[in-house]
Amino acid sequence: MRTRKQQLAVFLTFLILSLPVAGSEKKKARLQEKKAEAASAPAVLWRNPTDIASRNLFYGPGGKEHQPHTKFTFLKEDLNGSNPKFDVRDEDGVKWRVKLGLEARPETVATRIVWAVGYFANEDYFLRDLHVDDMPFRLQRGQKLVTPDGSMRNVRLKRYLKGEEKIGEWDWSEDPFVNTRELDGLKVMMALINNWDLKDENNSIYEEDEGRGPERIYMVSDLGASFGTPGLTWPLKRTRGNVGTYHNSEFITKVTPEYVDFRTPAAASPYFWFTPKEYALRLHLRWIGKHIPRDHARWMGQLLARLSPNQIRDAFRSAGYSPREVEGFSSVLEDRIAELSAL
């Protein structure tokens, strides 16, 4: 028979072991409660941009006042997605996500173009040179892009906004905006910039309160696979931020009295037959750019046509492209806008 001390020890052990579980359950309950509250908030995909002609596409949605400072400290590496990323904090306590590699430039431009016509986008900035203190001895991804002293070139910084919280992802085929002009317009925008990586996991829902009360903000939160080929191919450098492949790619593939089909997102090239899962995913995404109502596509073209040539070029200048690249990308974009407006 157990002594009183043994019984007390067993009881205390059980109590201690149960505490983390209880705490975890409470945390889950609070998260579920928060999600339920957010679900009752209005869902917003697009806001009428009455100031298109005056929007600053060099600084983008964050404006000049939110551009990054000069001193950054490493926080943690992010292993999601296909590009090397990690979080830093600046001297004012603002948290940023640094993205290295091929997507840094095109994503910076893409956020400005989609924001210009009323869609939501992250506050992204491009830096030619970045130094980060307290970098780990070795990153799991992208180490070759960082010098031993913590310096790196050609990076994108995404600002974390105070009060903004990601509460989920949304599906192109099941979100609250299916069959609306606003969602069709967003599909047109993805074709316009050749963003072929339209996986649902690249779509985010944020809970925000900017004085209107709580809202669920829907956005495409990863726009890095833009301004290159209309689909995944090899070598990867052709698929993102490549003025030659963007210029040579097909935009509109079919026009009927009622509908328009776009080339983007396209199937992956035959190089990816050897990765059947990836190839099948890209085949599945092709429908997103098909059967867009013609008047919805024309509506988006008319909004885009309110941008000046200088605004468009500012978007590409913001990402550090050379003058020749700026002009090359901008000319293609202007030609595509004219095609949409003429539908």
C-alpha atoms as a PDB file:
ATOM      1  CA  MET A   1       0.000   0.000   0.000  1.00  0.00           C
ATOM      2  CA  ARG A   2       1.284   3.443  -0.880  1.00  0.00           C
ATOM      3  CA  THR A   3       2.284   5.815   1.885  1.00  0.00           C
ATOM      4  CA  ARG A   4       0.798   9.281   2.172  1.00  0.00           C
ATOM      5  CA  LYS A   5       4.040  10.774   0.807  1.00  0.00           C
ATOM      6  CA  GLN A   6       3.943   8.472  -2.222  1.00  0.00           C
ATOM      7  CA  GLN A   7       0.324   9.381  -2.903  1.00  0.00           C
ATOM      8  CA  LEU A   8       1.172  13.079  -2.652  1.00  0.00           C
ATOM      9  CA  ALA A   9       4.122  12.645  -5.031  1.00  0.00           C
ATOM     10  CA  VAL A  10       1.928  10.864  -7.574  1.00  0.00           C
ATOM     11  CA  PHE A  11      -0.681  13.608  -7.312  1.00  0.00           C
ATOM     12  CA  LEU A  12       1.862  16.401  -7.738  1.00  0.00           C
ATOM     13  CA  THR A  13       3.461  14.630 -10.705  1.00  0.00           C
ATOM     14  CA  PHE A  14       0.070  14.287 -12.378  1.00  0.00           C
ATOM     15  CA  LEU A  15      -0.705  17.935 -11.685  1.00  0.00           C
ATOM     16  CA  ILE A  16       2.596  19.153 -13.145  1.00  0.00           C
ATOM     17  CA  LEU A  17       2.271  16.998 -16.239  1.00  0.00           C
ATOM     18  CA  SER A  18      -1.256  18.210 -16.826  1.00  0.00           C
ATOM     19  CA  LEU A  19      -0.370  21.898 -16.680  1.00  0.00           C
ATOM     20  CA  PRO A  20       1.215  22.196 -20.170  1.00  0.00           C
ATOM     21  CA  VAL A  21      -1.692  20.291 -21.666  1.00  0.00           C
ATOM     22  CA  ALA A  22      -4.182  22.547 -19.942  1.00  0.00           C
ATOM     23  CA  GLY A  23      -2.217  25.600 -21.067  1.00  0.00           C
ATOM     24  CA  SER A  24      -2.054  24.264 -24.612  1.00  0.00           C
ATOM     25  CA  GLU A  25      -5.789  23.612 -24.635  1.00  0.00           C
ATOM     26  CA  LYS A  26      -6.472  27.147 -23.416  1.00  0.00           C
ATOM     27  CA  LYS A  27      -4.204  28.544 -26.132  1.00  0.00           C
ATOM     28  CA  LYS A  28      -6.015  26.511 -28.792  1.00  0.00           C
ATOM     29  CA  ALA A  29      -9.371  27.643 -27.434  1.00  0.00           C
ATOM     30  CA  ARG A  30      -8.306  31.303 -27.554  1.00  0.00           C
ATOM     31  CA  LEU A  31      -7.078  30.856 -31.149  1.00  0.00           C
ATOM     32  CA  GLN A  32     -10.349  29.248 -32.194  1.00  0.00           C
ATOM     33  CA  GLU A  33     -12.287  32.014 -30.486  1.00  0.00           C
ATOM     34  CA  LYS A  34     -10.228  34.644 -32.305  1.00  0.00           C
ATOM     35  CA  LYS A  35     -10.783  32.929 -35.649  1.00  0.00           C
ATOM     36  CA  ALA A  36     -14.529  32.750 -34.953  1.00  0.00           C
ATOM     37  CA  GLU A  37     -14.577  36.474 -34.192  1.00  0.00           C
ATOM     38  CA  ALA A  38     -12.638  37.211 -37.365  1.00  0.00           C
ATOM     39  CA  ALA A  39     -15.027  35.083 -39.427  1.00  0.00           C
ATOM     40  CA  SER A  40     -17.824  37.517 -38.608  1.00  0.00           C
ATOM     41  CA  ALA A  41     -15.805  40.494 -39.879  1.00  0.00           C
ATOM     42  CA  PRO A  42     -16.353  41.714 -43.460  1.00  0.00           C
ATOM     43  CA  ALA A  43     -14.155  40.101 -46.118  1.00  0.00           C
ATOM     44  CA  VAL A  44     -12.349  42.615 -48.350  1.00  0.00           C
ATOM     45  CA  LEU A  45     -10.383  41.857 -51.530  1.00  0.00           C
ATOM     46  CA  TRP A  46     -10.303  45.233 -53.310  1.00  0.00           C
ATOM     47  CA  ARG A  47     -10.914  48.904 -52.554  1.00  0.00           C
ATOM     48  CA  ASN A  48     -11.716  51.493 -55.180  1.00  0.00           C
ATOM     49  CA  PRO A  49      -8.432  53.372 -55.815  1.00  0.00           C
ATOM     50  CA  THR A  50      -9.717  56.878 -56.490  1.00  0.00           C
ATOM     51  CA  ASP A  51      -6.143  58.198 -56.409  1.00  0.00           C
ATOM     52  CA  ILE A  52      -4.517  55.889 -58.981  1.00  0.00           C
ATOM     53  CA  ALA A  53      -2.922  58.731 -60.933  1.00  0.00           C
ATOM     54  CA  SER A  54      -1.208  60.122 -57.827  1.00  0.00           C
ATOM     55  CA  ARG A  55      -0.051  56.897 -56.152  1.00  0.00           C
ATOM     56  CA  ASN A  56       3.684  56.717 -55.573  1.00  0.00           C
ATOM     57  CA  LEU A  57       4.872  53.476 -57.177  1.00  0.00           C
ATOM     58  CA  PHE A  58       8.488  54.028 -56.248  1.00  0.00           C
ATOM     59  CA  TYR A  59       7.780  53.617 -52.522  1.00  0.00           C
ATOM     60  CA  GLY A  60       4.620  51.504 -52.880  1.00  0.00           C
ATOM     61  CA  PRO A  61       1.925  50.828 -50.272  1.00  0.00           C
ATOM     62  CA  GLY A  62       4.236  51.587 -47.344  1.00  0.00           C
ATOM     63  CA  GLY A  63       5.240  54.993 -48.630  1.00  0.00           C
ATOM     64  CA  LYS A  64       8.507  56.794 -48.060  1.00  0.00           C
ATOM     65  CA  GLU A  65       7.917  56.964 -44.302  1.00  0.00           C
ATOM     66  CA  HIS A  66       7.945  53.169 -43.890  1.00  0.00           C
ATOM     67  CA  GLN A  67      11.081  52.430 -45.887  1.00  0.00           C
ATOM     68  CA  PRO A  68      13.684  50.360 -44.000  1.00  0.00           C
ATOM     69  CA  HIS A  69      16.449  51.899 -41.908  1.00  0.00           C
ATOM     70  CA  THR A  70      20.090  50.872 -41.864  1.00  0.00           C
ATOM     71  CA  LYS A  71      20.725  48.746 -38.765  1.00  0.00           C
ATOM     72  CA  PHE A  72      19.280  45.236 -38.533  1.00  0.00           C
ATOM     73  CA  THR A  73      19.653  42.307 -36.131  1.00  0.00           C
ATOM     74  CA  PHE A  74      18.972  38.671 -37.054  1.00  0.00           C
ATOM     75  CA  LEU A  75      15.982  36.990 -35.368  1.00  0.00           C
ATOM     76  CA  LYS A  76      15.249  33.640 -37.036  1.00  0.00           C
ATOM     77  CA  GLU A  77      15.300  31.810 -40.328  1.00  0.00           C
ATOM     78  CA  ASP A  78      12.078  30.979 -42.192  1.00  0.00           C
ATOM     79  CA  LEU A  79      12.151  27.660 -44.068  1.00  0.00           C
ATOM     80  CA  ASN A  80       8.773  27.970 -45.796  1.00  0.00           C
ATOM     81  CA  GLY A  81       8.573  28.392 -49.565  1.00  0.00           C
ATOM     82  CA  SER A  82      11.356  27.899 -52.080  1.00  0.00           C
ATOM     83  CA  ASN A  83      13.453  31.040 -51.530  1.00  0.00           C
ATOM     84  CA  PRO A  84      15.825  31.733 -48.626  1.00  0.00           C
ATOM     85  CA  LYS A  85      14.208  34.026 -46.033  1.00  0.00           C
ATOM     86  CA  PHE A  86      14.805  35.163 -42.481  1.00  0.00           C
ATOM     87  CA  ASP A  87      13.455  37.733 -40.022  1.00  0.00           C
ATOM     88  CA  VAL A  88      15.314  40.761 -38.686  1.00  0.00           C
ATOM     89  CA  ARG A  89      14.544  43.699 -36.414  1.00  0.00           C
ATOM     90  CA  ASP A  90      15.659  47.265 -37.052  1.00  0.00           C
ATOM     91  CA  GLU A  91      16.843  49.890 -34.554  1.00  0.00           C
ATOM     92  CA  ASP A  92      13.271  51.166 -34.096  1.00  0.00           C
ATOM     93  CA  GLY A  93      11.980  47.721 -33.121  1.00  0.00           C
ATOM     94  CA  VAL A  94      10.248  47.121 -36.481  1.00  0.00           C
ATOM     95  CA  LYS A  95      10.305  43.517 -37.668  1.00  0.00           C
ATOM     96  CA  TRP A  96      11.115  42.707 -41.313  1.00  0.00           C
ATOM     97  CA  ARG A  97      11.307  39.556 -43.418  1.00  0.00           C
ATOM     98  CA  VAL A  98      14.335  39.438 -45.709  1.00  0.00           C
ATOM     99  CA  LYS A  99      14.053  37.472 -48.966  1.00  0.00           C
ATOM    100  CA  LEU A 100      17.171  36.580 -50.944  1.00  0.00           C
ATOM    101  CA  GLY A 101      17.544  35.261 -54.475  1.00  0.00           C
ATOM    102  CA  LEU A 102      15.666  35.527 -57.753  1.00  0.00           C
ATOM    103  CA  GLU A 103      12.343  36.783 -56.350  1.00  0.00           C
ATOM    104  CA  ALA A 104      13.582  39.865 -54.503  1.00  0.00           C
ATOM    105  CA  ARG A 105      13.341  42.272 -57.456  1.00  0.00           C
ATOM    106  CA  PRO A 106      10.173  41.051 -59.245  1.00  0.00           C
ATOM    107  CA  GLU A 107       8.205  40.795 -56.002  1.00  0.00           C
ATOM    108  CA  THR A 108       9.048  44.387 -55.104  1.00  0.00           C
ATOM    109  CA  VAL A 109       7.626  45.551 -58.442  1.00  0.00           C
ATOM    110  CA  ALA A 110       4.583  43.261 -58.344  1.00  0.00           C
ATOM    111  CA  THR A 111       3.393  44.559 -54.968  1.00  0.00           C
ATOM    112  CA  ARG A 112       3.346  48.085 -56.371  1.00  0.00           C
ATOM    113  CA  ILE A 113       1.446  47.199 -59.540  1.00  0.00           C
ATOM    114  CA  VAL A 114      -1.339  45.264 -57.791  1.00  0.00           C
ATOM    115  CA  TRP A 115      -1.617  47.893 -55.042  1.00  0.00           C
ATOM    116  CA  ALA A 116      -1.872  50.670 -57.635  1.00  0.00           C
ATOM    117  CA  VAL A 117      -5.257  49.377 -58.849  1.00  0.00           C
ATOM    118  CA  GLY A 118      -6.837  48.714 -55.465  1.00  0.00           C
ATOM    119  CA  TYR A 119      -5.656  45.285 -54.331  1.00  0.00           C
ATOM    120  CA  PHE A 120      -3.867  44.681 -51.064  1.00  0.00           C
ATOM    121  CA  ALA A 121      -0.137  44.008 -50.980  1.00  0.00           C
ATOM    122  CA  ASN A 122       2.682  43.713 -48.507  1.00  0.00           C
ATOM    123  CA  GLU A 123       4.915  46.702 -47.809  1.00  0.00           C
ATOM    124  CA  ASP A 124       7.990  45.544 -49.720  1.00  0.00           C
ATOM    125  CA  TYR A 125      11.236  47.420 -50.300  1.00  0.00           C
ATOM    126  CA  PHE A 126      14.331  46.509 -52.268  1.00  0.00           C
ATOM    127  CA  LEU A 127      17.852  47.121 -50.978  1.00  0.00           C
ATOM    128  CA  ARG A 128      20.984  46.717 -53.079  1.00  0.00           C
ATOM    129  CA  ASP A 129      23.084  46.227 -49.962  1.00  0.00           C
ATOM    130  CA  LEU A 130      22.102  44.970 -46.525  1.00  0.00           C
ATOM    131  CA  HIS A 131      24.163  44.242 -43.427  1.00  0.00           C
ATOM    132  CA  VAL A 132      22.664  42.187 -40.583  1.00  0.00           C
ATOM    133  CA  ASP A 133      24.206  41.809 -37.130  1.00  0.00           C
ATOM    134  CA  ASP A 134      24.243  38.521 -35.216  1.00  0.00           C
ATOM    135  CA  MET A 135      23.864  36.348 -38.310  1.00  0.00           C
ATOM    136  CA  PRO A 136      24.145  32.622 -37.510  1.00  0.00           C
ATOM    137  CA  PHE A 137      27.314  30.793 -38.478  1.00  0.00           C
ATOM    138  CA  ARG A 138      25.389  29.097 -41.278  1.00  0.00           C
ATOM    139  CA  LEU A 139      21.922  29.505 -42.762  1.00  0.00           C
ATOM    140  CA  GLN A 140      20.106  26.356 -43.810  1.00  0.00           C
ATOM    141  CA  ARG A 141      19.294  28.057 -47.141  1.00  0.00           C
ATOM    142  CA  GLY A 142      20.997  30.860 -49.039  1.00  0.00           C
ATOM    143  CA  GLN A 143      24.299  30.822 -47.186  1.00  0.00           C
ATOM    144  CA  LYS A 144      26.236  31.422 -50.403  1.00  0.00           C
ATOM    145  CA  LEU A 145      24.387  34.740 -50.783  1.00  0.00           C
ATOM    146  CA  VAL A 146      25.696  36.050 -47.429  1.00  0.00           C
ATOM    147  CA  THR A 147      29.272  37.140 -46.742  1.00  0.00           C
ATOM    148  CA  PRO A 148      31.048  36.135 -43.502  1.00  0.00           C
ATOM    149  CA  ASP A 149      30.462  39.597 -42.012  1.00  0.00           C
ATOM    150  CA  GLY A 150      26.658  39.387 -42.524  1.00  0.00           C
ATOM    151  CA  SER A 151      26.424  41.447 -45.717  1.00  0.00           C
ATOM    152  CA  MET A 152      24.270  40.572 -48.723  1.00  0.00           C
ATOM    153  CA  ARG A 153      23.138  42.154 -51.975  1.00  0.00           C
ATOM    154  CA  ASN A 154      19.845  42.586 -53.829  1.00  0.00           C
ATOM    155  CA  VAL A 155      17.329  41.738 -51.109  1.00  0.00           C
ATOM    156  CA  ARG A 156      13.651  42.364 -50.509  1.00  0.00           C
ATOM    157  CA  LEU A 157      12.436  43.466 -47.088  1.00  0.00           C
ATOM    158  CA  LYS A 158       8.780  42.970 -46.122  1.00  0.00           C
ATOM    159  CA  ARG A 159       7.593  45.086 -43.209  1.00  0.00           C
ATOM    160  CA  TYR A 160       5.501  43.483 -40.477  1.00  0.00           C
ATOM    161  CA  LEU A 161       2.642  45.845 -39.688  1.00  0.00           C
ATOM    162  CA  LYS A 162       1.538  46.547 -36.133  1.00  0.00           C
ATOM    163  CA  GLY A 163      -1.875  45.046 -35.440  1.00  0.00           C
ATOM    164  CA  GLU A 164      -1.861  42.889 -38.586  1.00  0.00           C
ATOM    165  CA  GLU A 165      -2.323  39.176 -37.959  1.00  0.00           C
ATOM    166  CA  LYS A 166      -2.466  36.356 -40.486  1.00  0.00           C
ATOM    167  CA  ILE A 167      -5.467  34.159 -39.708  1.00  0.00           C
ATOM    168  CA  GLY A 168      -5.465  31.778 -42.657  1.00  0.00           C
ATOM    169  CA  GLU A 169      -5.201  31.143 -46.386  1.00  0.00           C
ATOM    170  CA  TRP A 170      -7.795  31.349 -49.130  1.00  0.00           C
ATOM    171  CA  ASP A 171      -8.641  29.197 -52.113  1.00  0.00           C
ATOM    172  CA  TRP A 172      -9.029  30.591 -55.642  1.00  0.00           C
ATOM    173  CA  SER A 173     -12.077  28.373 -56.184  1.00  0.00           C
ATOM    174  CA  GLU A 174     -13.840  28.710 -52.818  1.00  0.00           C
ATOM    175  CA  ASP A 175     -13.257  32.199 -51.442  1.00  0.00           C
ATOM    176  CA  PRO A 176     -16.124  34.669 -50.767  1.00  0.00           C
ATOM    177  CA  PHE A 177     -15.492  36.515 -54.050  1.00  0.00           C
ATOM    178  CA  VAL A 178     -16.038  33.713 -56.592  1.00  0.00           C
ATOM    179  CA  ASN A 179     -17.604  35.004 -59.830  1.00  0.00           C
ATOM    180  CA  THR A 180     -17.111  38.645 -58.847  1.00  0.00           C
ATOM    181  CA  ARG A 181     -15.504  41.326 -60.994  1.00  0.00           C
ATOM    182  CA  GLU A 182     -12.942  41.936 -58.240  1.00  0.00           C
ATOM    183  CA  LEU A 183     -11.640  38.349 -58.162  1.00  0.00           C
ATOM    184  CA  ASP A 184     -11.612  38.119 -61.951  1.00  0.00           C
ATOM    185  CA  GLY A 185      -9.669  41.378 -62.005  1.00  0.00           C
ATOM    186  CA  LEU A 186      -7.083  39.875 -59.659  1.00  0.00           C
ATOM    187  CA  LYS A 187      -6.716  36.894 -62.011  1.00  0.00           C
ATOM    188  CA  VAL A 188      -6.122  39.361 -64.846  1.00  0.00           C
ATOM    189  CA  MET A 189      -3.444  41.066 -62.748  1.00  0.00           C
ATOM    190  CA  MET A 190      -1.653  37.749 -62.219  1.00  0.00           C
ATOM    191  CA  ALA A 191      -1.646  37.190 -65.989  1.00  0.00           C
ATOM    192  CA  LEU A 192      -0.507  40.763 -66.614  1.00  0.00           C
ATOM    193  CA  ILE A 193       2.638  40.294 -64.512  1.00  0.00           C
ATOM    194  CA  ASN A 194       3.130  36.599 -65.448  1.00  0.00           C
ATOM    195  CA  ASN A 195       2.779  35.396 -61.865  1.00  0.00           C
ATOM    196  CA  TRP A 196       2.506  31.660 -62.499  1.00  0.00           C
ATOM    197  CA  ASP A 197       2.932  30.410 -58.902  1.00  0.00           C
ATOM    198  CA  LEU A 198      -0.720  30.663 -57.873  1.00  0.00           C
ATOM    199  CA  LYS A 199      -0.802  27.941 -55.230  1.00  0.00           C
ATOM    200  CA  ASP A 200      -3.453  28.542 -52.568  1.00  0.00           C
ATOM    201  CA  GLU A 201      -0.721  28.587 -49.921  1.00  0.00           C
ATOM    202  CA  ASN A 202       0.513  31.834 -51.499  1.00  0.00           C
ATOM    203  CA  ASN A 203      -2.801  33.515 -50.613  1.00  0.00           C
ATOM    204  CA  SER A 204      -3.225  35.020 -47.148  1.00  0.00           C
ATOM    205  CA  ILE A 205      -6.072  36.320 -45.012  1.00  0.00           C
ATOM    206  CA  TYR A 206      -5.118  39.025 -42.529  1.00  0.00           C
ATOM    207  CA  GLU A 207      -7.207  40.470 -39.744  1.00  0.00           C
ATOM    208  CA  GLU A 208      -6.870  44.254 -39.660  1.00  0.00           C
ATOM    209  CA  ASP A 209      -8.583  47.194 -38.006  1.00  0.00           C
ATOM    210  CA  GLU A 210      -7.800  50.532 -39.629  1.00  0.00           C
ATOM    211  CA  GLY A 211     -10.604  52.559 -38.078  1.00  0.00           C
ATOM    212  CA  ARG A 212     -13.403  50.864 -40.011  1.00  0.00           C
ATOM    213  CA  GLY A 213     -13.719  48.049 -37.505  1.00  0.00           C
ATOM    214  CA  PRO A 214     -12.210  44.544 -37.880  1.00  0.00           C
ATOM    215  CA  GLU A 215     -11.886  43.302 -41.466  1.00  0.00           C
ATOM    216  CA  ARG A 216     -10.606  40.163 -43.146  1.00  0.00           C
ATOM    217  CA  ILE A 217      -8.156  41.298 -45.808  1.00  0.00           C
ATOM    218  CA  TYR A 218      -7.599  38.880 -48.723  1.00  0.00           C
ATOM    219  CA  MET A 219      -4.393  39.175 -50.716  1.00  0.00           C
ATOM    220  CA  VAL A 220      -1.893  37.267 -52.830  1.00  0.00           C
ATOM    221  CA  SER A 221       0.971  37.427 -50.353  1.00  0.00           C
ATOM    222  CA  ASP A 222       3.700  35.837 -52.497  1.00  0.00           C
ATOM    223  CA  LEU A 223       4.214  37.575 -55.835  1.00  0.00           C
ATOM    224  CA  GLY A 224       7.825  36.605 -56.422  1.00  0.00           C
ATOM    225  CA  ALA A 225       7.332  34.363 -59.470  1.00  0.00           C
ATOM    226  CA  SER A 226       6.539  37.340 -61.720  1.00  0.00           C
ATOM    227  CA  PHE A 227       7.851  39.132 -64.832  1.00  0.00           C
ATOM    228  CA  GLY A 228       9.384  36.070 -66.458  1.00  0.00           C
ATOM    229  CA  THR A 229       7.916  33.050 -68.197  1.00  0.00           C
ATOM    230  CA  PRO A 230       4.164  32.285 -67.912  1.00  0.00           C
ATOM    231  CA  GLY A 231       4.910  28.926 -66.272  1.00  0.00           C
ATOM    232  CA  LEU A 232       7.556  26.960 -64.423  1.00  0.00           C
ATOM    233  CA  THR A 233      10.496  26.061 -66.643  1.00  0.00           C
ATOM    234  CA  TRP A 234      14.260  25.556 -66.592  1.00  0.00           C
ATOM    235  CA  PRO A 235      16.603  27.282 -65.960  1.00  0.00           C
ATOM    236  CA  LEU A 236      14.789  29.030 -63.119  1.00  0.00           C
ATOM    237  CA  LYS A 237      16.416  32.393 -63.845  1.00  0.00           C
ATOM    238  CA  ARG A 238      14.116  32.678 -66.879  1.00  0.00           C
ATOM    239  CA  THR A 239      10.980  32.354 -64.763  1.00  0.00           C
ATOM    240  CA  ARG A 240      11.281  35.490 -62.613  1.00  0.00           C
ATOM    241  CA  GLY A 241      12.355  39.042 -63.302  1.00  0.00           C
ATOM    242  CA  ASN A 242      13.684  38.266 -66.786  1.00  0.00           C
ATOM    243  CA  VAL A 243      12.924  41.010 -69.290  1.00  0.00           C
ATOM    244  CA  GLY A 244      13.695  38.804 -72.294  1.00  0.00           C
ATOM    245  CA  THR A 245      11.308  35.977 -71.400  1.00  0.00           C
ATOM    246  CA  TYR A 246       8.649  38.448 -70.230  1.00  0.00           C
ATOM    247  CA  HIS A 247       8.846  40.266 -73.570  1.00  0.00           C
ATOM    248  CA  ASN A 248       8.632  37.035 -75.582  1.00  0.00           C
ATOM    249  CA  SER A 249       5.814  35.413 -73.604  1.00  0.00           C
ATOM    250  CA  GLU A 250       2.242  35.210 -74.832  1.00  0.00           C
ATOM    251  CA  PHE A 251      -0.361  37.229 -72.908  1.00  0.00           C
ATOM    252  CA  ILE A 252      -3.900  36.658 -74.257  1.00  0.00           C
ATOM    253  CA  THR A 253      -4.465  33.296 -75.965  1.00  0.00           C
ATOM    254  CA  LYS A 254      -8.162  33.505 -76.858  1.00  0.00           C
ATOM    255  CA  VAL A 255     -10.896  36.132 -77.060  1.00  0.00           C
ATOM    256  CA  THR A 256     -14.601  35.428 -77.585  1.00  0.00           C
ATOM    257  CA  PRO A 257     -17.527  37.864 -77.362  1.00  0.00           C
ATOM    258  CA  GLU A 258     -17.970  36.819 -73.713  1.00  0.00           C
ATOM    259  CA  TYR A 259     -14.650  35.542 -72.383  1.00  0.00           C
ATOM    260  CA  VAL A 260     -10.874  35.925 -72.454  1.00  0.00           C
ATOM    261  CA  ASP A 261      -8.209  33.259 -71.876  1.00  0.00           C
ATOM    262  CA  PHE A 262      -4.727  34.157 -70.654  1.00  0.00           C
ATOM    263  CA  ARG A 263      -1.482  32.236 -71.004  1.00  0.00           C
ATOM    264  CA  THR A 264      -0.567  32.616 -67.315  1.00  0.00           C
ATOM    265  CA  PRO A 265      -0.529  30.405 -65.321  1.00  0.00           C
ATOM    266  CA  ALA A 266       0.809  27.900 -67.850  1.00  0.00           C
ATOM    267  CA  ALA A 267       1.737  24.246 -67.500  1.00  0.00           C
ATOM    268  CA  ALA A 268       5.272  23.454 -66.402  1.00  0.00           C
ATOM    269  CA  SER A 269       7.806  22.661 -69.106  1.00  0.00           C
ATOM    270  CA  PRO A 270       8.672  19.004 -69.965  1.00  0.00           C
ATOM    271  CA  TYR A 271      11.744  19.308 -67.719  1.00  0.00           C
ATOM    272  CA  PHE A 272       9.358  18.721 -64.820  1.00  0.00           C
ATOM    273  CA  TRP A 273       7.889  15.454 -66.085  1.00  0.00           C
ATOM    274  CA  PHE A 274      10.412  13.840 -63.756  1.00  0.00           C
ATOM    275  CA  THR A 275       8.711  15.495 -60.768  1.00  0.00           C
ATOM    276  CA  PRO A 276       5.124  14.317 -61.364  1.00  0.00           C
ATOM    277  CA  LYS A 277       3.669  16.001 -58.289  1.00  0.00           C
ATOM    278  CA  GLU A 278       5.001  19.418 -59.285  1.00  0.00           C
ATOM    279  CA  TYR A 279       3.967  18.936 -62.912  1.00  0.00           C
ATOM    280  CA  ALA A 280       0.427  17.901 -61.926  1.00  0.00           C
ATOM    281  CA  LEU A 281       0.094  20.920 -59.617  1.00  0.00           C
ATOM    282  CA  ARG A 282       0.938  23.315 -62.440  1.00  0.00           C
ATOM    283  CA  LEU A 283      -1.574  21.618 -64.741  1.00  0.00           C
ATOM    284  CA  HIS A 284      -4.259  22.036 -62.094  1.00  0.00           C
ATOM    285  CA  LEU A 285      -3.636  25.794 -61.803  1.00  0.00           C
ATOM    286  CA  ARG A 286      -4.182  26.608 -65.495  1.00  0.00           C
ATOM    287  CA  TRP A 287      -7.928  27.157 -65.040  1.00  0.00           C
ATOM    288  CA  ILE A 288      -7.289  30.326 -63.015  1.00  0.00           C
ATOM    289  CA  GLY A 289      -6.380  32.282 -66.150  1.00  0.00           C
ATOM    290  CA  LYS A 290      -9.148  30.856 -68.331  1.00  0.00           C
ATOM    291  CA  HIS A 291     -12.711  31.932 -69.101  1.00  0.00           C
ATOM    292  CA  ILE A 292     -12.450  35.420 -67.606  1.00  0.00           C
ATOM    293  CA  PRO A 293     -15.497  37.562 -68.520  1.00  0.00           C
ATOM    294  CA  ARG A 294     -14.428  39.994 -71.181  1.00  0.00           C
ATOM    295  CA  ASP A 295     -15.950  43.033 -69.489  1.00  0.00           C
ATOM    296  CA  HIS A 296     -14.127  42.180 -66.254  1.00  0.00           C
ATOM    297  CA  ALA A 297     -10.804  42.038 -68.084  1.00  0.00           C
ATOM    298  CA  ARG A 298     -11.562  45.321 -69.864  1.00  0.00           C
ATOM    299  CA  TRP A 299     -12.489  46.932 -66.523  1.00  0.00           C
ATOM    300  CA  MET A 300      -9.066  46.052 -65.145  1.00  0.00           C
ATOM    301  CA  GLY A 301      -7.391  47.420 -68.267  1.00  0.00           C
ATOM    302  CA  GLN A 302      -9.227  50.707 -67.848  1.00  0.00           C
ATOM    303  CA  LEU A 303      -8.044  51.012 -64.247  1.00  0.00           C
ATOM    304  CA  LEU A 304      -4.462  50.260 -65.258  1.00  0.00           C
ATOM    305  CA  ALA A 305      -4.662  52.783 -68.102  1.00  0.00           C
ATOM    306  CA  ARG A 306      -4.915  55.541 -65.478  1.00  0.00           C
ATOM    307  CA  LEU A 307      -1.278  54.910 -64.525  1.00  0.00           C
ATOM    308  CA  SER A 308       1.229  57.234 -66.141  1.00  0.00           C
ATOM    309  CA  PRO A 309       4.335  55.978 -67.945  1.00  0.00           C
ATOM    310  CA  ASN A 310       6.443  57.467 -65.163  1.00  0.00           C
ATOM    311  CA  GLN A 311       4.489  55.640 -62.443  1.00  0.00           C
ATOM    312  CA  ILE A 312       5.017  52.322 -64.228  1.00  0.00           C
ATOM    313  CA  ARG A 313       8.718  52.983 -64.615  1.00  0.00           C
ATOM    314  CA  ASP A 314       8.997  54.012 -60.983  1.00  0.00           C
ATOM    315  CA  ALA A 315       7.720  50.569 -59.971  1.00  0.00           C
ATOM    316  CA  PHE A 316      10.639  48.932 -61.806  1.00  0.00           C
ATOM    317  CA  ARG A 317      13.137  51.553 -60.660  1.00  0.00           C
ATOM    318  CA  SER A 318      12.195  50.739 -57.066  1.00  0.00           C
ATOM    319  CA  ALA A 319      13.615  47.234 -57.543  1.00  0.00           C
ATOM    320  CA  GLY A 320      17.022  48.359 -58.757  1.00  0.00           C
ATOM    321  CA  TYR A 321      16.620  47.365 -62.404  1.00  0.00           C
ATOM    322  CA  SER A 322      18.931  48.991 -64.934  1.00  0.00           C
ATOM    323  CA  PRO A 323      17.526  51.765 -67.205  1.00  0.00           C
ATOM    324  CA  ARG A 324      17.427  49.308 -70.120  1.00  0.00           C
ATOM    325  CA  GLU A 325      15.511  46.732 -68.039  1.00  0.00           C
ATOM    326  CA  VAL A 326      13.141  49.382 -66.689  1.00  0.00           C
ATOM    327  CA  GLU A 327      12.245  50.433 -70.212  1.00  0.00           C
ATOM    328  CA  GLY A 328      11.949  46.849 -71.439  1.00  0.00           C
ATOM    329  CA  PHE A 329       9.624  45.695 -68.663  1.00  0.00           C
ATOM    330  CA  SER A 330       7.565  48.892 -68.791  1.00  0.00           C
ATOM    331  CA  SER A 331       7.019  48.674 -72.549  1.00  0.00           C
ATOM    332  CA  VAL A 332       5.647  45.134 -72.267  1.00  0.00           C
ATOM    333  CA  LEU A 333       3.371  46.144 -69.397  1.00  0.00           C
ATOM    334  CA  GLU A 334       2.049  49.144 -71.329  1.00  0.00           C
ATOM    335  CA  ASP A 335       1.344  47.012 -74.402  1.00  0.00           C
ATOM    336  CA  ARG A 336      -0.598  44.531 -72.270  1.00  0.00           C
ATOM    337  CA  ILE A 337      -2.598  47.289 -70.614  1.00  0.00           C
ATOM    338  CA  ALA A 338      -3.539  48.594 -74.060  1.00  0.00           C
ATOM    339  CA  GLU A 339      -4.695  45.092 -75.070  1.00  0.00           C
ATOM    340  CA  LEU A 340      -6.932  44.846 -72.026  1.00  0.00           C
ATOM    341  CA  SER A 341      -8.397  48.321 -72.499  1.00  0.00           C
ATOM    342  CA  ALA A 342      -9.265  47.517 -76.125  1.00  0.00           C
ATOM    343  CA  LEU A 343     -11.228  44.329 -75.369  1.00  0.00           C
END
